[in-house]
Amino acid sequence: MQNFNATKLTCPIDGDSLVLNEKQLQCCNGHSFDIARQGYVNLLPVQHKRSKEPGDSKEMVVARTLFLNSDIYLPIAKKLLQIVKSKSIGSTLTILDAGCGEGYYLDYIINSLKATGLNPNSIGLDISKHAIIAAARRNKNITWLVASNRQPPVISNSVDIIICVFGFQSFEGFNKILQHGGLIILVDPGPNHLKELRNIIYNDIRESEPTSLVEAEKLGFNLVDTQQLQFKTGDIDNSTIQSLLLMTPHFFRANKAGRDAAIALQNIDLSVDVVFRVLKR
């Protein structure tokens, strides 16, 4: 069975601490949550769902897994690791990946830190059950949860670092679980991210805008660092292009002509432009 760590988890119904009892997580009020055979736990109550199967579909998760396993985005993972290592203090850390998808970035960070002798407590959560199933296959030593960023089922003031890579932030939810002095690392597309592909898909190109920090500032977070990473992918083939399309919102935002033009591409050299921002509580 998955090496499951429940020490930081709370019941999504009443907020009490959860304890591991064989293959279940239980709270003192009798609520219980099974550990699935794949090694994850679903802590997303039905009343917190906005649809029957929220988040990425199985098809999108498969596409993202294929694309990320090509390591085209490995420089992003390496930069994220560099920032985590430069900001973290102490040998024991709790790192949470909010909107972890199929686990590529958290898996890379945790494996790299363990190679240096660190053994952080790690939690990955995503609202998509399909994504979490894929993540649980990737790394059996990370605690994977189907859960919401808005109401993360994690003990208050217990997380050192929250990473959110191309995800939907909830600063209110993050504020509840992040300890004083803790960090949020946001990774967002820069203005030139995938511009060659967007030029083909859309008639009217709009530059990507970073996530607004107004809510974060109201909650007392301060922006302490901003870094940018830019690189070229080199030529990627048609199958990789199709995986990339399916894992991004561009495929669903584009009209049929734009999608067809992108799908017909045999190869393309893309610009990657990513902005990293670090917020401190």
Protein backbone atom coordinates (compact mmCIF):
# COMPACT_ATOMS: atom_id res chain seq x y z
CA MET A 1 0.00 0.00 0.00
CA GLN A 2 1.00 3.61 -0.51
CA ASN A 3 3.29 5.04 2.19
CA PHE A 4 0.48 7.27 3.43
CA ASN A 5 1.14 10.08 5.90
CA ALA A 6 -1.99 11.47 7.56
CA THR A 7 -0.33 13.63 10.23
CA LYS A 8 -1.27 16.96 8.61
CA LEU A 9 -4.76 16.09 7.38
CA THR A 10 -8.17 17.17 8.62
CA CYS A 11 -11.70 15.95 8.08
CA PRO A 12 -13.30 17.94 5.24
CA ILE A 13 -16.67 17.74 6.99
CA ASP A 14 -15.92 18.99 10.51
CA GLY A 15 -12.26 20.05 10.40
CA ASP A 16 -11.05 17.62 13.09
CA SER A 17 -7.71 15.87 12.72
CA LEU A 18 -7.63 12.61 10.81
CA VAL A 19 -5.80 9.51 11.97
CA LEU A 20 -4.76 6.49 9.92
CA ASN A 21 -6.54 3.27 10.87
CA GLU A 22 -5.45 0.46 8.58
CA LYS A 23 -6.83 1.47 5.16
CA GLN A 24 -8.98 4.36 6.36
CA LEU A 25 -8.60 7.89 7.64
CA GLN A 26 -10.92 8.62 10.54
CA CYS A 27 -11.85 11.62 12.68
CA CYS A 28 -13.12 11.57 16.26
CA ASN A 29 -16.68 12.23 15.10
CA GLY A 30 -16.85 9.00 13.15
CA HIS A 31 -16.29 10.28 9.62
CA SER A 32 -14.11 7.90 7.65
CA PHE A 33 -12.41 8.03 4.26
CA ASP A 34 -11.03 4.99 2.48
CA ILE A 35 -7.55 4.92 1.04
CA ALA A 36 -8.15 3.88 -2.56
CA ARG A 37 -6.27 0.87 -3.91
CA GLN A 38 -4.20 3.27 -6.05
CA GLY A 39 -2.97 4.95 -2.85
CA TYR A 40 -4.85 8.26 -2.65
CA VAL A 41 -7.71 9.57 -0.50
CA ASN A 42 -10.76 11.48 -1.71
CA LEU A 43 -11.35 14.35 0.74
CA LEU A 44 -13.67 16.32 -1.53
CA PRO A 45 -17.23 16.15 -0.14
CA VAL A 46 -20.00 16.14 -2.69
CA GLN A 47 -21.24 19.51 -1.43
CA HIS A 48 -17.90 21.06 -2.43
CA LYS A 49 -18.15 19.81 -6.01
CA ARG A 50 -19.40 22.07 -8.77
CA SER A 51 -19.91 19.17 -11.17
CA LYS A 52 -20.04 15.39 -11.08
CA GLU A 53 -16.37 15.05 -12.07
CA PRO A 54 -14.65 18.41 -11.46
CA GLY A 55 -11.22 19.27 -12.79
CA ASP A 56 -9.28 17.75 -15.64
CA SER A 57 -10.80 14.86 -17.56
CA LYS A 58 -9.05 11.52 -17.98
CA GLU A 59 -8.16 12.49 -21.56
CA MET A 60 -6.52 15.73 -20.41
CA VAL A 61 -4.56 13.93 -17.69
CA VAL A 62 -3.26 11.33 -20.15
CA ALA A 63 -2.17 14.11 -22.51
CA ARG A 64 -0.44 16.05 -19.72
CA THR A 65 1.35 12.93 -18.51
CA LEU A 66 2.63 12.16 -22.01
CA PHE A 67 3.83 15.72 -22.52
CA LEU A 68 5.48 16.19 -19.13
CA ASN A 69 7.16 12.79 -19.27
CA SER A 70 9.00 14.05 -22.36
CA ASP A 71 10.79 16.46 -19.96
CA ILE A 72 10.27 19.42 -22.28
CA TYR A 73 9.23 21.35 -19.17
CA LEU A 74 12.09 19.99 -17.03
CA PRO A 75 13.74 23.46 -16.89
CA ILE A 76 10.58 24.69 -15.11
CA ALA A 77 10.84 21.91 -12.53
CA LYS A 78 14.54 22.64 -12.02
CA LYS A 79 13.90 26.36 -11.53
CA LEU A 80 11.12 25.60 -9.07
CA LEU A 81 13.45 23.31 -7.12
CA GLN A 82 16.12 26.01 -7.09
CA ILE A 83 13.68 28.51 -5.58
CA VAL A 84 12.42 26.00 -3.00
CA LYS A 85 15.99 25.21 -1.91
CA SER A 86 16.95 28.88 -1.72
CA LYS A 87 13.94 29.82 0.40
CA SER A 88 13.54 26.83 2.69
CA ILE A 89 15.13 26.68 6.12
CA GLY A 90 15.65 23.58 8.26
CA SER A 91 15.80 19.88 7.56
CA THR A 92 12.10 19.17 8.08
CA LEU A 93 9.64 20.78 5.72
CA THR A 94 6.03 20.33 4.74
CA ILE A 95 5.54 21.13 1.06
CA LEU A 96 2.09 21.20 -0.51
CA ASP A 97 1.42 21.29 -4.24
CA ALA A 98 -1.96 22.97 -4.73
CA GLY A 99 -3.47 21.84 -8.01
CA CYS A 100 -0.74 19.24 -8.46
CA GLY A 101 -2.20 17.62 -11.57
CA GLU A 102 -0.50 14.31 -12.25
CA GLY A 103 2.34 15.12 -9.89
CA TYR A 104 5.25 15.89 -12.21
CA TYR A 105 6.61 18.94 -10.39
CA LEU A 106 6.14 17.75 -6.81
CA ASP A 107 7.64 14.36 -7.67
CA TYR A 108 10.72 16.05 -9.12
CA ILE A 109 11.14 18.37 -6.12
CA ILE A 110 10.72 15.67 -3.48
CA ASN A 111 13.03 13.17 -5.20
CA SER A 112 15.68 15.87 -5.65
CA LEU A 113 15.48 16.99 -2.01
CA LYS A 114 15.68 13.40 -0.78
CA ALA A 115 18.82 12.91 -2.86
CA THR A 116 20.44 15.66 -0.75
CA GLY A 117 19.44 14.03 2.54
CA LEU A 118 16.25 15.98 3.20
CA ASN A 119 13.02 14.12 3.89
CA PRO A 120 10.17 16.62 3.57
CA ASN A 121 6.57 15.80 4.32
CA SER A 122 4.80 16.24 0.99
CA ILE A 123 1.16 16.62 0.03
CA GLY A 124 -0.29 16.95 -3.45
CA LEU A 125 -3.91 17.88 -3.94
CA ASP A 126 -6.07 18.34 -6.99
CA ILE A 127 -9.79 18.55 -7.59
CA SER A 128 -9.53 16.01 -10.43
CA LYS A 129 -9.70 12.37 -9.35
CA HIS A 130 -8.16 11.32 -12.66
CA ALA A 131 -5.14 13.56 -12.02
CA ILE A 132 -4.63 12.22 -8.50
CA ILE A 133 -4.81 8.61 -9.66
CA ALA A 134 -2.02 9.39 -12.14
CA ALA A 135 -0.03 11.18 -9.43
CA ALA A 136 -0.32 8.22 -7.07
CA ARG A 137 1.18 6.01 -9.77
CA ARG A 138 4.09 8.41 -10.19
CA ASN A 139 5.27 8.54 -6.58
CA LYS A 140 4.09 6.29 -3.75
CA ASN A 141 5.83 8.29 -1.00
CA ILE A 142 3.74 11.45 -1.40
CA THR A 143 0.34 11.95 0.21
CA TRP A 144 -2.09 12.50 -2.67
CA LEU A 145 -5.55 13.95 -2.08
CA VAL A 146 -8.61 14.69 -4.15
CA ALA A 147 -9.39 18.05 -2.56
CA SER A 148 -10.04 21.71 -3.25
CA ASN A 149 -7.64 24.65 -2.99
CA ARG A 150 -10.50 26.69 -1.56
CA GLN A 151 -10.91 24.36 1.41
CA PRO A 152 -7.73 22.30 1.73
CA PRO A 153 -8.19 19.53 4.33
CA VAL A 154 -4.93 20.32 6.07
CA ILE A 155 -4.19 21.40 9.66
CA SER A 156 -4.05 25.17 10.15
CA ASN A 157 -0.59 26.79 10.22
CA SER A 158 1.16 23.51 9.35
CA VAL A 159 2.58 24.01 5.84
CA ASP A 160 5.97 25.61 5.12
CA ILE A 161 5.78 25.98 1.34
CA ILE A 162 2.83 25.92 -1.05
CA ILE A 163 3.59 25.64 -4.75
CA CYS A 164 0.95 26.36 -7.38
CA VAL A 165 2.05 25.70 -10.96
CA PHE A 166 -0.26 26.98 -13.70
CA GLY A 167 -3.11 26.42 -11.24
CA PHE A 168 -6.10 28.15 -9.70
CA GLN A 169 -5.03 29.90 -6.53
CA SER A 170 -7.12 30.40 -3.42
CA PHE A 171 -5.20 32.75 -1.19
CA GLU A 172 -7.86 32.47 1.50
CA GLY A 173 -7.51 28.69 1.51
CA PHE A 174 -3.71 28.91 1.44
CA ASN A 175 -3.70 31.45 4.28
CA LYS A 176 -5.45 29.00 6.62
CA ILE A 177 -2.89 26.23 6.27
CA LEU A 178 0.37 28.16 5.79
CA GLN A 179 2.40 28.76 8.91
CA HIS A 180 3.69 32.21 9.86
CA GLY A 181 6.72 32.94 7.70
CA GLY A 182 5.63 30.33 5.17
CA LEU A 183 5.89 30.80 1.43
CA ILE A 184 3.66 30.53 -1.61
CA ILE A 185 5.47 29.98 -4.92
CA LEU A 186 3.27 30.87 -7.88
CA VAL A 187 4.22 29.75 -11.37
CA ASP A 188 2.32 31.50 -14.16
CA PRO A 189 2.73 31.86 -17.94
CA GLY A 190 4.64 34.95 -19.05
CA PRO A 191 3.57 37.20 -21.94
CA ASN A 192 5.40 35.16 -24.60
CA HIS A 193 4.49 31.69 -23.35
CA LEU A 194 3.70 29.40 -26.30
CA LYS A 195 3.28 32.46 -28.51
CA GLU A 196 3.94 30.53 -31.73
CA LEU A 197 1.09 28.15 -30.97
CA ARG A 198 -1.25 30.93 -29.89
CA ASN A 199 -0.53 32.79 -33.14
CA ILE A 200 -1.84 29.78 -35.04
CA ILE A 201 -4.86 29.13 -32.83
CA TYR A 202 -6.21 32.65 -32.34
CA ASN A 203 -6.98 35.56 -34.62
CA ASP A 204 -6.60 38.05 -31.78
CA ILE A 205 -3.63 37.39 -29.50
CA ARG A 206 -3.72 38.62 -25.94
CA GLU A 207 -0.68 38.54 -23.70
CA SER A 208 -1.00 36.36 -20.62
CA GLU A 209 -1.49 38.34 -17.44
CA PRO A 210 -0.15 37.09 -14.10
CA THR A 211 -2.52 36.24 -11.29
CA SER A 212 -3.64 39.31 -9.37
CA LEU A 213 -2.13 39.57 -5.90
CA VAL A 214 -4.76 41.97 -4.52
CA GLU A 215 -6.46 39.27 -2.43
CA ALA A 216 -3.10 37.99 -1.18
CA GLU A 217 -2.00 41.46 -0.12
CA LYS A 218 -5.27 42.00 1.77
CA LEU A 219 -4.53 38.81 3.71
CA GLY A 220 -1.08 40.08 4.67
CA PHE A 221 1.11 38.35 2.10
CA ASN A 222 4.13 40.22 0.74
CA LEU A 223 5.78 39.66 -2.63
CA VAL A 224 9.42 38.89 -1.78
CA ASP A 225 10.83 37.60 -5.06
CA THR A 226 10.05 37.50 -8.79
CA GLN A 227 12.01 35.51 -11.35
CA GLN A 228 11.48 34.71 -15.01
CA LEU A 229 12.48 31.69 -17.07
CA GLN A 230 12.54 31.71 -20.86
CA PHE A 231 13.71 28.98 -23.23
CA LYS A 232 12.90 27.33 -26.56
CA THR A 233 11.58 23.80 -26.79
CA GLY A 234 13.27 22.95 -30.06
CA ASP A 235 11.14 21.21 -32.69
CA ILE A 236 8.42 19.06 -31.16
CA ASP A 237 6.49 16.55 -33.28
CA ASN A 238 2.79 16.24 -34.06
CA SER A 239 1.93 13.80 -31.27
CA THR A 240 3.62 16.02 -28.69
CA ILE A 241 1.82 19.08 -30.08
CA GLN A 242 -1.51 17.29 -29.68
CA SER A 243 -0.70 16.33 -26.08
CA LEU A 244 0.24 19.93 -25.33
CA LEU A 245 -2.98 21.20 -26.87
CA LEU A 246 -5.14 18.86 -24.82
CA MET A 247 -3.45 19.81 -21.54
CA THR A 248 -3.92 23.56 -22.00
CA PRO A 249 -7.08 25.71 -22.04
CA HIS A 250 -6.19 26.90 -25.56
CA PHE A 251 -7.67 23.79 -27.17
CA PHE A 252 -11.08 24.50 -25.66
CA ARG A 253 -10.98 28.28 -26.14
CA ALA A 254 -10.04 28.15 -29.82
CA ASN A 255 -12.54 27.94 -32.64
CA LYS A 256 -12.62 24.90 -34.92
CA ALA A 257 -10.39 26.49 -37.56
CA GLY A 258 -7.74 27.30 -34.97
CA ARG A 259 -7.83 23.82 -33.46
CA ASP A 260 -7.64 22.16 -36.87
CA ALA A 261 -4.66 24.31 -37.87
CA ALA A 262 -2.80 23.40 -34.69
CA ILE A 263 -3.61 19.70 -34.94
CA ALA A 264 -2.30 19.66 -38.53
CA LEU A 265 1.15 20.93 -37.49
CA GLN A 266 3.91 18.40 -38.11
CA ASN A 267 6.42 20.20 -35.90
CA ILE A 268 6.93 23.52 -34.16
CA ASP A 269 9.59 25.25 -32.07
CA LEU A 270 7.90 26.95 -29.12
CA SER A 271 8.85 29.74 -26.74
CA VAL A 272 8.41 28.95 -23.07
CA ASP A 273 8.02 32.02 -20.86
CA VAL A 274 7.28 31.44 -17.18
CA VAL A 275 7.12 33.82 -14.21
CA PHE A 276 7.86 32.67 -10.66
CA ARG A 277 6.61 34.82 -7.78
CA VAL A 278 7.26 34.15 -4.11
CA LEU A 279 4.87 35.43 -1.46
CA LYS A 280 5.64 35.38 2.26
CA ARG A 281 3.11 35.32 5.04
